Amino acid sequence: MINVKKFSLLLTGLLTLFTVGTASTTTAHAASSAVNDYISSQNIKPAKVTSSIWGGFPKHAYRHGVGKPEGVVIHETANPSSTIYNEIAYMKAHYNNAFVHSFVDASHIINIANTNYLAWGVGFPGNSRFVQFEQVEVHSKSAFAHEVSNAAWYTAYLLHQYGLKPNDAAYDGKGTVWSHGSVAKHLGGSDHTDPVGYYSTTGKRYFGQGYTMAAFYQLVHAYYYSDFSGSASKPSSSASAKPLDKVTYTKTTATAKLSSQFGTYRLYNHVKNAYTNMSTYSWSSVQATPGKTIYINNKGVKDKAGTTWYRFTFSNDANAKQYWAYSGALDLN
C-alpha cells in the first residue's frame, strides 16, 4: 500500500553465510527461504532502473537536507488487478494525497520522483527520512521471484547510492531497510503493515512457504555486498554490450579540493563504466566551485587503462552523499 553461474554461487554463499549470522547487521537469524533459494538457483538477474522523473511532484528536503535520506521503505500497492503503468498514472493524478519515488514489478524498476527529495508515503515522521518505493502485486511463481529480486536489488542500489549500509530496522526501529509496517510500528504516522501480508500470502501460494521481511533483508544484504562492494563481477542482467572495466579499489582517507578544471569532467555514482546503471550528476547540483573542499574515502584504479578515480563527499557528515570523479577533477593535498 501507499504509504552466469558465478553470481548464482556467490549469492547462494552470501545468503547461507547471512543465515548463520554476520557481525555487521542487527537482524535476527532467519531460516532458509524458498523464494531466495529459487532466485539463486534460477540465476535471476534484476531489471535495469528506468528513469522516468515527472516534474509535477513537489520537492521538499529530507530532515537532514537535500539528497540525504536515512534509509529505504518497501511498500506494496494492495491492488491485485492493477499494473505498474496504471499505478504510476494514478499516483501522478493524486500526488497531493500520497506518492512514492519508484515502482517495481516482475520486469521493471521505474523511478518517477527524484530520490534526493522526500516523498509522501508513510506520514510523519517517516516521510522526511526515507526513499520509498511500491511493489505491484504479481500472479505467478516466476513473476514473484523476479519482483522480489528487483525490489531487493533496488533497495541495495539506493543504499549504495546514498552511502548507507544495510541494517534491518524491524527489530529495534533503527536501521536503513524498512517495511511500511516497521515504520508504523516504530515511528507511527500510519497503521499500514505492507508488504508483510502480500509477501506471506504470495510466498505460500507459489512456494509453499510464506515470504518474510527477514528473508527479504537477507537478499538485500547479499546484493549490497556482492554487487556494490567493489569486488562484484556482474551486478545485473542489464549489463551493457560494452564490457565493464575492471577496477582495483583501495580504501583511502584524504582531504582534497576541486581543481580549476573540474568542470571538464563529470560526476558519477560509480567509477565510469565499472558498473551497470551508471548515473551522472551536474556539478551545479552540488554547488561546486574551484577549490571547494572534498573528503575522499575510496580510490579506484582501472586495471587496463591505469586511470585513477576517487570517491568522495562534500562534508564529514556520516550520511553525506558519495560521488566518484576522475582524478583530474581534484587537487590532492
C-alpha atoms as a PDB file:
ATOM      1  CA  MET A   1       0.000   0.000   0.000  1.00  0.00           C
ATOM      2  CA  ILE A   2       0.956   3.614  -0.306  1.00  0.00           C
ATOM      3  CA  ASN A   3       2.406   4.924   2.350  1.00  0.00           C
ATOM      4  CA  VAL A   4      26.202 -16.630 -15.408  1.00  0.00           C
ATOM      5  CA  LYS A   5      26.542 -19.167 -12.713  1.00  0.00           C
ATOM      6  CA  LYS A   6      29.309 -17.390 -10.774  1.00  0.00           C
ATOM      7  CA  PHE A   7      26.842 -14.851  -9.491  1.00  0.00           C
ATOM      8  CA  SER A   8      24.396 -17.606  -8.521  1.00  0.00           C
ATOM      9  CA  LEU A   9      27.041 -19.384  -6.458  1.00  0.00           C
ATOM     10  CA  LEU A  10      28.108 -16.107  -4.864  1.00  0.00           C
ATOM     11  CA  LEU A  11      24.534 -15.180  -3.964  1.00  0.00           C
ATOM     12  CA  THR A  12      23.898 -18.643  -2.545  1.00  0.00           C
ATOM     13  CA  GLY A  13      27.033 -18.421  -0.441  1.00  0.00           C
ATOM     14  CA  LEU A  14      26.205 -14.975   0.869  1.00  0.00           C
ATOM     15  CA  LEU A  15      22.661 -15.993   1.759  1.00  0.00           C
ATOM     16  CA  THR A  16      23.932 -19.100   3.549  1.00  0.00           C
ATOM     17  CA  LEU A  17      26.520 -17.090   5.441  1.00  0.00           C
ATOM     18  CA  PHE A  18      23.989 -14.462   6.417  1.00  0.00           C
ATOM     19  CA  THR A  19      21.529 -17.082   7.658  1.00  0.00           C
ATOM     20  CA  VAL A  20      24.176 -18.245  10.127  1.00  0.00           C
ATOM     21  CA  GLY A  21      24.720 -14.619  11.140  1.00  0.00           C
ATOM     22  CA  THR A  22      27.124 -11.772  10.484  1.00  0.00           C
ATOM     23  CA  ALA A  23      28.627  -9.182  12.759  1.00  0.00           C
ATOM     24  CA  SER A  24      27.721  -6.238  10.571  1.00  0.00           C
ATOM     25  CA  THR A  25      23.945  -6.428  10.943  1.00  0.00           C
ATOM     26  CA  THR A  26      21.373  -6.164  13.697  1.00  0.00           C
ATOM     27  CA  THR A  27      18.794  -8.579  12.316  1.00  0.00           C
ATOM     28  CA  ALA A  28      17.904 -11.862  13.990  1.00  0.00           C
ATOM     29  CA  HIS A  29      18.855 -15.150  12.348  1.00  0.00           C
ATOM     30  CA  ALA A  30      16.419 -16.168   9.638  1.00  0.00           C
ATOM     31  CA  ALA A  31      15.515 -19.585   8.306  1.00  0.00           C
ATOM     32  CA  SER A  32      16.239 -20.644   4.738  1.00  0.00           C
ATOM     33  CA  SER A  33      13.908 -19.013   2.237  1.00  0.00           C
ATOM     34  CA  ALA A  34      12.355 -20.952  -0.646  1.00  0.00           C
ATOM     35  CA  VAL A  35      11.990 -17.720  -2.636  1.00  0.00           C
ATOM     36  CA  ASN A  36      15.612 -16.671  -2.152  1.00  0.00           C
ATOM     37  CA  ASP A  37      16.794 -20.185  -2.967  1.00  0.00           C
ATOM     38  CA  TYR A  38      14.748 -20.109  -6.173  1.00  0.00           C
ATOM     39  CA  ILE A  39      16.193 -16.722  -7.178  1.00  0.00           C
ATOM     40  CA  SER A  40      19.674 -18.140  -6.696  1.00  0.00           C
ATOM     41  CA  SER A  41      19.069 -21.495  -8.397  1.00  0.00           C
ATOM     42  CA  GLN A  42      17.384 -19.868 -11.405  1.00  0.00           C
ATOM     43  CA  ASN A  43      20.147 -17.240 -11.656  1.00  0.00           C
ATOM     44  CA  ILE A  44      17.522 -14.481 -11.722  1.00  0.00           C
ATOM     45  CA  LYS A  45      19.013 -11.090 -12.504  1.00  0.00           C
ATOM     46  CA  PRO A  46      17.478  -7.722 -11.579  1.00  0.00           C
ATOM     47  CA  ALA A  47      15.954  -5.367 -14.132  1.00  0.00           C
ATOM     48  CA  LYS A  48      17.600  -2.118 -15.151  1.00  0.00           C
ATOM     49  CA  VAL A  49      16.481   1.027 -13.342  1.00  0.00           C
ATOM     50  CA  THR A  50      14.421   3.174 -15.709  1.00  0.00           C
ATOM     51  CA  SER A  51      14.388   6.895 -15.003  1.00  0.00           C
ATOM     52  CA  SER A  52      11.025   8.482 -15.775  1.00  0.00           C
ATOM     53  CA  ILE A  53      11.081  11.501 -13.461  1.00  0.00           C
ATOM     54  CA  TRP A  54       7.882  13.553 -13.524  1.00  0.00           C
ATOM     55  CA  GLY A  55       8.351  17.239 -12.793  1.00  0.00           C
ATOM     56  CA  GLY A  56       4.962  17.646 -11.145  1.00  0.00           C
ATOM     57  CA  PHE A  57       5.914  16.151  -7.797  1.00  0.00           C
ATOM     58  CA  PRO A  58       6.716  18.650  -5.022  1.00  0.00           C
ATOM     59  CA  LYS A  59      10.329  18.957  -3.930  1.00  0.00           C
ATOM     60  CA  HIS A  60      10.971  19.132  -0.193  1.00  0.00           C
ATOM     61  CA  ALA A  61      14.254  18.350   1.527  1.00  0.00           C
ATOM     62  CA  TYR A  62      14.702  15.450   3.917  1.00  0.00           C
ATOM     63  CA  ARG A  63      15.163  16.428   7.544  1.00  0.00           C
ATOM     64  CA  HIS A  64      18.952  16.431   7.126  1.00  0.00           C
ATOM     65  CA  GLY A  65      18.892  18.150   3.747  1.00  0.00           C
ATOM     66  CA  VAL A  66      18.505  17.545   0.022  1.00  0.00           C
ATOM     67  CA  GLY A  67      19.983  14.225  -1.067  1.00  0.00           C
ATOM     68  CA  LYS A  68      20.255  12.912   2.492  1.00  0.00           C
ATOM     69  CA  PRO A  69      17.736  10.128   3.077  1.00  0.00           C
ATOM     70  CA  GLU A  70      18.374   7.782   6.000  1.00  0.00           C
ATOM     71  CA  GLY A  71      17.012   4.549   4.560  1.00  0.00           C
ATOM     72  CA  VAL A  72      14.526   2.869   2.232  1.00  0.00           C
ATOM     73  CA  VAL A  73      10.861   1.931   2.812  1.00  0.00           C
ATOM     74  CA  ILE A  74       9.376  -1.009   0.899  1.00  0.00           C
ATOM     75  CA  HIS A  75       5.635  -0.858   0.106  1.00  0.00           C
ATOM     76  CA  GLU A  76       3.135  -2.853  -1.958  1.00  0.00           C
ATOM     77  CA  THR A  77       0.032  -1.481  -3.622  1.00  0.00           C
ATOM     78  CA  ALA A  78      -2.620  -3.864  -2.186  1.00  0.00           C
ATOM     79  CA  ASN A  79      -4.304  -3.802  -5.595  1.00  0.00           C
ATOM     80  CA  PRO A  80      -4.349  -7.281  -7.201  1.00  0.00           C
ATOM     81  CA  SER A  81      -5.762  -6.104 -10.532  1.00  0.00           C
ATOM     82  CA  SER A  82      -3.550  -3.117 -11.323  1.00  0.00           C
ATOM     83  CA  THR A  83      -0.441  -2.753 -13.489  1.00  0.00           C
ATOM     84  CA  ILE A  84       2.708  -0.759 -12.888  1.00  0.00           C
ATOM     85  CA  TYR A  85       1.713   1.829 -15.502  1.00  0.00           C
ATOM     86  CA  ASN A  86      -1.802   2.196 -14.086  1.00  0.00           C
ATOM     87  CA  GLU A  87      -0.346   2.739 -10.632  1.00  0.00           C
ATOM     88  CA  ILE A  88       2.073   5.379 -11.897  1.00  0.00           C
ATOM     89  CA  ALA A  89      -0.695   7.215 -13.754  1.00  0.00           C
ATOM     90  CA  TYR A  90      -2.938   7.131 -10.685  1.00  0.00           C
ATOM     91  CA  MET A  91      -0.180   8.458  -8.460  1.00  0.00           C
ATOM     92  CA  LYS A  92       0.559  11.382 -10.758  1.00  0.00           C
ATOM     93  CA  ALA A  93      -3.128  12.279 -10.674  1.00  0.00           C
ATOM     94  CA  HIS A  94      -3.389  12.030  -6.882  1.00  0.00           C
ATOM     95  CA  TYR A  95       0.041  13.011  -5.625  1.00  0.00           C
ATOM     96  CA  ASN A  96      -1.462  15.580  -3.248  1.00  0.00           C
ATOM     97  CA  ASN A  97      -2.712  12.629  -1.199  1.00  0.00           C
ATOM     98  CA  ALA A  98       0.394  10.449  -1.435  1.00  0.00           C
ATOM     99  CA  PHE A  99       3.260   9.498  -3.716  1.00  0.00           C
ATOM    100  CA  VAL A 100       6.435   7.404  -3.691  1.00  0.00           C
ATOM    101  CA  HIS A 101       9.697   7.604  -5.602  1.00  0.00           C
ATOM    102  CA  SER A 102       9.561   4.413  -7.661  1.00  0.00           C
ATOM    103  CA  PHE A 103       7.545   1.366  -8.688  1.00  0.00           C
ATOM    104  CA  VAL A 104       8.699  -2.233  -9.055  1.00  0.00           C
ATOM    105  CA  ASP A 105       7.137  -5.307 -10.643  1.00  0.00           C
ATOM    106  CA  ALA A 106       8.496  -8.503 -12.191  1.00  0.00           C
ATOM    107  CA  SER A 107      10.056  -6.745 -15.187  1.00  0.00           C
ATOM    108  CA  HIS A 108      10.569  -3.110 -14.205  1.00  0.00           C
ATOM    109  CA  ILE A 109      12.154  -0.737 -11.742  1.00  0.00           C
ATOM    110  CA  ILE A 110      10.747   2.670 -12.675  1.00  0.00           C
ATOM    111  CA  ASN A 111      11.900   5.780 -10.834  1.00  0.00           C
ATOM    112  CA  ILE A 112       9.279   8.546 -11.161  1.00  0.00           C
ATOM    113  CA  ALA A 113      10.248  11.060  -8.437  1.00  0.00           C
ATOM    114  CA  ASN A 114      13.673  12.485  -7.633  1.00  0.00           C
ATOM    115  CA  THR A 115      15.030  10.476  -4.697  1.00  0.00           C
ATOM    116  CA  ASN A 116      17.021  13.489  -3.490  1.00  0.00           C
ATOM    117  CA  TYR A 117      13.699  14.879  -2.206  1.00  0.00           C
ATOM    118  CA  LEU A 118      11.206  13.297   0.187  1.00  0.00           C
ATOM    119  CA  ALA A 119       8.001  11.507  -0.814  1.00  0.00           C
ATOM    120  CA  TRP A 120       4.615  11.255   0.915  1.00  0.00           C
ATOM    121  CA  GLY A 121       4.110   7.551   1.576  1.00  0.00           C
ATOM    122  CA  VAL A 122       4.288   6.825   5.316  1.00  0.00           C
ATOM    123  CA  GLY A 123       3.245  10.028   7.050  1.00  0.00           C
ATOM    124  CA  PHE A 124       5.147  11.914   9.724  1.00  0.00           C
ATOM    125  CA  PRO A 125       7.985  11.470  10.632  1.00  0.00           C
ATOM    126  CA  GLY A 126       8.982   8.788   8.097  1.00  0.00           C
ATOM    127  CA  ASN A 127       8.408  10.887   5.001  1.00  0.00           C
ATOM    128  CA  SER A 128      11.270  13.184   5.946  1.00  0.00           C
ATOM    129  CA  ARG A 129      13.681  10.284   6.381  1.00  0.00           C
ATOM    130  CA  PHE A 130      13.311   7.638   3.678  1.00  0.00           C
ATOM    131  CA  VAL A 131      13.318   6.870  -0.031  1.00  0.00           C
ATOM    132  CA  GLN A 132      10.127   4.907  -0.745  1.00  0.00           C
ATOM    133  CA  PHE A 133       9.002   2.541  -3.484  1.00  0.00           C
ATOM    134  CA  GLU A 134       5.930   0.426  -4.260  1.00  0.00           C
ATOM    135  CA  GLN A 135       5.687  -3.158  -5.459  1.00  0.00           C
ATOM    136  CA  VAL A 136       2.807  -4.013  -7.776  1.00  0.00           C
ATOM    137  CA  GLU A 137       1.088  -7.326  -6.992  1.00  0.00           C
ATOM    138  CA  VAL A 138       2.041 -10.132  -9.405  1.00  0.00           C
ATOM    139  CA  HIS A 139       0.436 -13.511 -10.027  1.00  0.00           C
ATOM    140  CA  SER A 140       2.880 -16.324 -10.801  1.00  0.00           C
ATOM    141  CA  LYS A 141       5.814 -18.093  -9.186  1.00  0.00           C
ATOM    142  CA  SER A 142       8.347 -16.676 -11.627  1.00  0.00           C
ATOM    143  CA  ALA A 143       6.896 -13.162 -11.502  1.00  0.00           C
ATOM    144  CA  PHE A 144       7.007 -13.050  -7.713  1.00  0.00           C
ATOM    145  CA  ALA A 145      10.616 -14.233  -7.618  1.00  0.00           C
ATOM    146  CA  HIS A 146      11.604 -11.668 -10.237  1.00  0.00           C
ATOM    147  CA  GLU A 147       9.773  -8.894  -8.394  1.00  0.00           C
ATOM    148  CA  VAL A 148      11.412  -9.743  -5.072  1.00  0.00           C
ATOM    149  CA  SER A 149      14.795  -9.820  -6.788  1.00  0.00           C
ATOM    150  CA  ASN A 150      14.138  -6.420  -8.362  1.00  0.00           C
ATOM    151  CA  ALA A 151      12.949  -4.928  -5.069  1.00  0.00           C
ATOM    152  CA  ALA A 152      15.869  -6.255  -3.031  1.00  0.00           C
ATOM    153  CA  TRP A 153      18.457  -5.223  -5.602  1.00  0.00           C
ATOM    154  CA  TYR A 154      16.918  -1.756  -5.905  1.00  0.00           C
ATOM    155  CA  THR A 155      16.983  -1.367  -2.126  1.00  0.00           C
ATOM    156  CA  ALA A 156      20.694  -2.245  -2.123  1.00  0.00           C
ATOM    157  CA  TYR A 157      21.243   0.123  -5.047  1.00  0.00           C
ATOM    158  CA  LEU A 158      19.641   3.019  -3.177  1.00  0.00           C
ATOM    159  CA  LEU A 159      21.614   2.297  -0.013  1.00  0.00           C
ATOM    160  CA  HIS A 160      24.807   2.320  -2.019  1.00  0.00           C
ATOM    161  CA  GLN A 161      23.828   5.481  -3.868  1.00  0.00           C
ATOM    162  CA  TYR A 162      23.393   7.406  -0.626  1.00  0.00           C
ATOM    163  CA  GLY A 163      26.329   5.931   1.255  1.00  0.00           C
ATOM    164  CA  LEU A 164      24.176   3.878   3.639  1.00  0.00           C
ATOM    165  CA  LYS A 165      24.868   0.362   4.905  1.00  0.00           C
ATOM    166  CA  PRO A 166      22.234  -2.383   5.249  1.00  0.00           C
ATOM    167  CA  ASN A 167      20.647  -2.501   8.689  1.00  0.00           C
ATOM    168  CA  ASP A 168      17.300  -4.184   9.316  1.00  0.00           C
ATOM    169  CA  ALA A 169      15.014  -1.791  11.202  1.00  0.00           C
ATOM    170  CA  ALA A 170      12.341  -4.400  12.015  1.00  0.00           C
ATOM    171  CA  TYR A 171      13.661  -5.348  15.430  1.00  0.00           C
ATOM    172  CA  ASP A 172      14.574  -2.086  17.102  1.00  0.00           C
ATOM    173  CA  GLY A 173      13.257   0.665  14.820  1.00  0.00           C
ATOM    174  CA  LYS A 174      16.808   1.708  13.989  1.00  0.00           C
ATOM    175  CA  GLY A 175      18.200   0.951  10.574  1.00  0.00           C
ATOM    176  CA  THR A 176      18.147   1.619   6.855  1.00  0.00           C
ATOM    177  CA  VAL A 177      15.809  -1.105   5.497  1.00  0.00           C
ATOM    178  CA  TRP A 178      12.154  -0.647   6.498  1.00  0.00           C
ATOM    179  CA  SER A 179       8.806  -2.164   5.621  1.00  0.00           C
ATOM    180  CA  HIS A 180       5.831   0.179   5.852  1.00  0.00           C
ATOM    181  CA  GLY A 181       4.786  -1.997   8.774  1.00  0.00           C
ATOM    182  CA  SER A 182       8.037  -1.316  10.621  1.00  0.00           C
ATOM    183  CA  VAL A 183       7.633   2.420  10.103  1.00  0.00           C
ATOM    184  CA  ALA A 184       4.092   2.286  11.507  1.00  0.00           C
ATOM    185  CA  LYS A 185       5.218   0.184  14.486  1.00  0.00           C
ATOM    186  CA  HIS A 186       8.306   2.138  15.482  1.00  0.00           C
ATOM    187  CA  LEU A 187       7.698   5.670  14.174  1.00  0.00           C
ATOM    188  CA  GLY A 188       3.929   5.974  13.761  1.00  0.00           C
ATOM    189  CA  GLY A 189       2.321   8.019  11.023  1.00  0.00           C
ATOM    190  CA  SER A 190       0.016   5.253   9.768  1.00  0.00           C
ATOM    191  CA  ASP A 191      -1.378   1.832  10.657  1.00  0.00           C
ATOM    192  CA  HIS A 192      -0.317   0.023   7.464  1.00  0.00           C
ATOM    193  CA  THR A 193       1.633  -3.250   7.573  1.00  0.00           C
ATOM    194  CA  ASP A 194       2.665  -3.789   3.944  1.00  0.00           C
ATOM    195  CA  PRO A 195       4.329  -5.621   2.343  1.00  0.00           C
ATOM    196  CA  VAL A 196       4.164  -8.280   5.083  1.00  0.00           C
ATOM    197  CA  GLY A 197       0.751  -9.716   4.162  1.00  0.00           C
ATOM    198  CA  TYR A 198       1.458  -9.732   0.426  1.00  0.00           C
ATOM    199  CA  TYR A 199       4.805 -11.456   0.954  1.00  0.00           C
ATOM    200  CA  SER A 200       3.333 -14.095   3.248  1.00  0.00           C
ATOM    201  CA  THR A 201       0.298 -14.911   1.101  1.00  0.00           C
ATOM    202  CA  THR A 202       2.114 -14.939  -2.231  1.00  0.00           C
ATOM    203  CA  GLY A 203       5.035 -16.944  -0.884  1.00  0.00           C
ATOM    204  CA  LYS A 204       2.672 -19.616   0.451  1.00  0.00           C
ATOM    205  CA  ARG A 205       0.687 -19.683  -2.792  1.00  0.00           C
ATOM    206  CA  TYR A 206       3.629 -20.249  -5.125  1.00  0.00           C
ATOM    207  CA  PHE A 207       6.444 -21.605  -2.934  1.00  0.00           C
ATOM    208  CA  GLY A 208       4.632 -23.386  -0.110  1.00  0.00           C
ATOM    209  CA  GLN A 209       6.297 -21.053   2.386  1.00  0.00           C
ATOM    210  CA  GLY A 210       5.391 -17.537   3.394  1.00  0.00           C
ATOM    211  CA  TYR A 211       7.978 -14.961   2.376  1.00  0.00           C
ATOM    212  CA  THR A 212       9.137 -12.614   5.146  1.00  0.00           C
ATOM    213  CA  MET A 213      10.837  -9.255   5.535  1.00  0.00           C
ATOM    214  CA  ALA A 214      13.698 -11.077   7.293  1.00  0.00           C
ATOM    215  CA  ALA A 215      14.252 -13.150   4.142  1.00  0.00           C
ATOM    216  CA  PHE A 216      13.958 -10.016   2.004  1.00  0.00           C
ATOM    217  CA  TYR A 217      16.609  -8.341   4.130  1.00  0.00           C
ATOM    218  CA  GLN A 218      18.904 -11.349   3.583  1.00  0.00           C
ATOM    219  CA  LEU A 219      18.594 -10.750  -0.148  1.00  0.00           C
ATOM    220  CA  VAL A 220      19.227  -7.007   0.177  1.00  0.00           C
ATOM    221  CA  HIS A 221      22.332  -7.746   2.228  1.00  0.00           C
ATOM    222  CA  ALA A 222      23.591 -10.273  -0.324  1.00  0.00           C
ATOM    223  CA  TYR A 223      23.069  -7.908  -3.272  1.00  0.00           C
ATOM    224  CA  TYR A 224      24.664  -4.999  -1.426  1.00  0.00           C
ATOM    225  CA  TYR A 225      27.878  -6.859  -0.678  1.00  0.00           C
ATOM    226  CA  SER A 226      28.118  -8.737  -3.982  1.00  0.00           C
ATOM    227  CA  ASP A 227      27.015  -6.069  -6.453  1.00  0.00           C
ATOM    228  CA  PHE A 228      28.339  -2.896  -4.872  1.00  0.00           C
ATOM    229  CA  SER A 229      31.305  -3.785  -2.674  1.00  0.00           C
ATOM    230  CA  GLY A 230      33.956  -3.113  -5.302  1.00  0.00           C
ATOM    231  CA  SER A 231      34.635  -6.822  -5.761  1.00  0.00           C
ATOM    232  CA  ALA A 232      31.482  -7.582  -7.708  1.00  0.00           C
ATOM    233  CA  SER A 233      31.635  -9.008 -11.181  1.00  0.00           C
ATOM    234  CA  LYS A 234      28.230  -8.569 -12.816  1.00  0.00           C
ATOM    235  CA  PRO A 235      25.644  -6.663 -10.790  1.00  0.00           C
ATOM    236  CA  SER A 236      22.649  -7.192 -13.040  1.00  0.00           C
ATOM    237  CA  SER A 237      21.250  -8.630 -16.232  1.00  0.00           C
ATOM    238  CA  SER A 238      21.136  -5.134 -17.664  1.00  0.00           C
ATOM    239  CA  ALA A 239      24.875  -5.051 -18.292  1.00  0.00           C
ATOM    240  CA  SER A 240      25.574  -3.166 -21.465  1.00  0.00           C
ATOM    241  CA  ALA A 241      27.061  -4.772 -24.534  1.00  0.00           C
ATOM    242  CA  LYS A 242      30.314  -2.966 -23.819  1.00  0.00           C
ATOM    243  CA  PRO A 243      32.423  -4.975 -21.325  1.00  0.00           C
ATOM    244  CA  LEU A 244      32.669  -3.420 -17.897  1.00  0.00           C
ATOM    245  CA  ASP A 245      36.060  -2.104 -16.823  1.00  0.00           C
ATOM    246  CA  LYS A 246      37.821  -3.919 -14.015  1.00  0.00           C
ATOM    247  CA  VAL A 247      38.905  -1.683 -11.167  1.00  0.00           C
ATOM    248  CA  THR A 248      41.184  -2.217  -8.168  1.00  0.00           C
ATOM    249  CA  TYR A 249      39.858  -0.373  -5.123  1.00  0.00           C
ATOM    250  CA  THR A 250      41.765   0.924  -2.109  1.00  0.00           C
ATOM    251  CA  LYS A 251      40.203   2.449   0.993  1.00  0.00           C
ATOM    252  CA  THR A 252      41.696   5.930   1.236  1.00  0.00           C
ATOM    253  CA  THR A 253      41.160   8.762   3.679  1.00  0.00           C
ATOM    254  CA  ALA A 254      42.237  12.171   2.418  1.00  0.00           C
ATOM    255  CA  THR A 255      41.139  15.757   2.036  1.00  0.00           C
ATOM    256  CA  ALA A 256      41.339  17.440  -1.354  1.00  0.00           C
ATOM    257  CA  LYS A 257      39.904  20.339  -3.326  1.00  0.00           C
ATOM    258  CA  LEU A 258      38.170  20.606  -6.666  1.00  0.00           C
ATOM    259  CA  SER A 259      40.664  21.604  -9.333  1.00  0.00           C
ATOM    260  CA  SER A 260      40.260  24.593 -11.616  1.00  0.00           C
ATOM    261  CA  GLN A 261      39.475  22.085 -14.399  1.00  0.00           C
ATOM    262  CA  PHE A 262      36.814  20.071 -12.567  1.00  0.00           C
ATOM    263  CA  GLY A 263      34.108  21.213 -14.997  1.00  0.00           C
ATOM    264  CA  THR A 264      35.898  19.383 -17.811  1.00  0.00           C
ATOM    265  CA  TYR A 265      34.939  16.086 -16.186  1.00  0.00           C
ATOM    266  CA  ARG A 266      31.728  14.518 -14.906  1.00  0.00           C
ATOM    267  CA  LEU A 267      30.384  13.472 -11.541  1.00  0.00           C
ATOM    268  CA  TYR A 268      29.275   9.812 -11.255  1.00  0.00           C
ATOM    269  CA  ASN A 269      27.685   7.390  -8.814  1.00  0.00           C
ATOM    270  CA  HIS A 270      30.333   4.754  -9.671  1.00  0.00           C
ATOM    271  CA  VAL A 271      33.656   4.636 -11.468  1.00  0.00           C
ATOM    272  CA  LYS A 272      32.742   5.288 -15.093  1.00  0.00           C
ATOM    273  CA  ASN A 273      31.966   2.067 -16.998  1.00  0.00           C
ATOM    274  CA  ALA A 274      32.790  -0.118 -13.984  1.00  0.00           C
ATOM    275  CA  TYR A 275      29.133  -0.808 -13.130  1.00  0.00           C
ATOM    276  CA  THR A 276      25.783  -1.001 -14.836  1.00  0.00           C
ATOM    277  CA  ASN A 277      23.073   1.558 -14.047  1.00  0.00           C
ATOM    278  CA  MET A 278      25.507   4.440 -14.240  1.00  0.00           C
ATOM    279  CA  SER A 279      24.221   7.864 -13.212  1.00  0.00           C
ATOM    280  CA  THR A 280      25.810  11.261 -13.731  1.00  0.00           C
ATOM    281  CA  TYR A 281      25.245  14.439 -11.763  1.00  0.00           C
ATOM    282  CA  SER A 282      25.728  18.071 -12.616  1.00  0.00           C
ATOM    283  CA  TRP A 283      28.390  19.965 -10.716  1.00  0.00           C
ATOM    284  CA  SER A 284      25.876  22.738 -10.198  1.00  0.00           C
ATOM    285  CA  SER A 285      23.679  20.359  -8.184  1.00  0.00           C
ATOM    286  CA  VAL A 286      26.431  20.180  -5.544  1.00  0.00           C
ATOM    287  CA  GLN A 287      27.289  23.910  -5.719  1.00  0.00           C
ATOM    288  CA  ALA A 288      30.758  23.036  -6.997  1.00  0.00           C
ATOM    289  CA  THR A 289      33.411  25.732  -7.279  1.00  0.00           C
ATOM    290  CA  PRO A 290      37.188  25.559  -7.835  1.00  0.00           C
ATOM    291  CA  GLY A 291      38.920  24.988  -4.528  1.00  0.00           C
ATOM    292  CA  LYS A 292      35.867  23.522  -2.794  1.00  0.00           C
ATOM    293  CA  THR A 293      36.923  21.017  -0.124  1.00  0.00           C
ATOM    294  CA  ILE A 294      36.046  17.351  -0.555  1.00  0.00           C
ATOM    295  CA  TYR A 295      36.588  14.295   1.658  1.00  0.00           C
ATOM    296  CA  ILE A 296      37.961  11.206  -0.104  1.00  0.00           C
ATOM    297  CA  ASN A 297      37.147   7.715   1.204  1.00  0.00           C
ATOM    298  CA  ASN A 298      37.955   5.377  -1.700  1.00  0.00           C
ATOM    299  CA  LYS A 299      40.324   5.149  -4.657  1.00  0.00           C
ATOM    300  CA  GLY A 300      39.817   3.109  -7.836  1.00  0.00           C
ATOM    301  CA  VAL A 301      42.441   2.397 -10.486  1.00  0.00           C
ATOM    302  CA  LYS A 302      41.264   0.879 -13.751  1.00  0.00           C
ATOM    303  CA  ASP A 303      43.270  -2.291 -14.337  1.00  0.00           C
ATOM    304  CA  LYS A 304      43.580  -1.828 -18.088  1.00  0.00           C
ATOM    305  CA  ALA A 305      43.666   1.936 -18.615  1.00  0.00           C
ATOM    306  CA  GLY A 306      45.514   2.722 -15.394  1.00  0.00           C
ATOM    307  CA  THR A 307      43.369   5.802 -14.778  1.00  0.00           C
ATOM    308  CA  THR A 308      42.640   6.821 -11.194  1.00  0.00           C
ATOM    309  CA  TRP A 309      39.235   7.690  -9.751  1.00  0.00           C
ATOM    310  CA  TYR A 310      38.182   8.862  -6.305  1.00  0.00           C
ATOM    311  CA  ARG A 311      35.014   8.517  -4.241  1.00  0.00           C
ATOM    312  CA  PHE A 312      34.290  11.468  -2.002  1.00  0.00           C
ATOM    313  CA  THR A 313      31.729  13.529  -0.120  1.00  0.00           C
ATOM    314  CA  PHE A 314      31.305  17.270   0.312  1.00  0.00           C
ATOM    315  CA  SER A 315      31.017  17.092   4.096  1.00  0.00           C
ATOM    316  CA  ASN A 316      32.144  14.985   7.042  1.00  0.00           C
ATOM    317  CA  ASP A 317      28.537  14.050   7.828  1.00  0.00           C
ATOM    318  CA  ALA A 318      28.182  10.270   8.163  1.00  0.00           C
ATOM    319  CA  ASN A 319      25.188  10.281   5.789  1.00  0.00           C
ATOM    320  CA  ALA A 320      26.684  12.608   3.189  1.00  0.00           C
ATOM    321  CA  LYS A 321      26.064  11.513  -0.390  1.00  0.00           C
ATOM    322  CA  GLN A 322      29.061   9.973  -2.137  1.00  0.00           C
ATOM    323  CA  TYR A 323      30.289  10.716  -5.656  1.00  0.00           C
ATOM    324  CA  TRP A 324      33.012   9.430  -7.980  1.00  0.00           C
ATOM    325  CA  ALA A 325      35.157  11.590 -10.245  1.00  0.00           C
ATOM    326  CA  TYR A 326      38.282  11.230 -12.360  1.00  0.00           C
ATOM    327  CA  SER A 327      41.463  12.337 -10.602  1.00  0.00           C
ATOM    328  CA  GLY A 328      41.859  15.289 -12.954  1.00  0.00           C
ATOM    329  CA  ALA A 329      38.876  16.952 -11.299  1.00  0.00           C
ATOM    330  CA  LEU A 330      40.693  17.047  -7.961  1.00  0.00           C
ATOM    331  CA  ASP A 331      43.715  18.746  -6.444  1.00  0.00           C
ATOM    332  CA  LEU A 332      45.154  16.329  -3.858  1.00  0.00           C
ATOM    333  CA  ASN A 333      46.936  17.704  -0.825  1.00  0.00           C
END
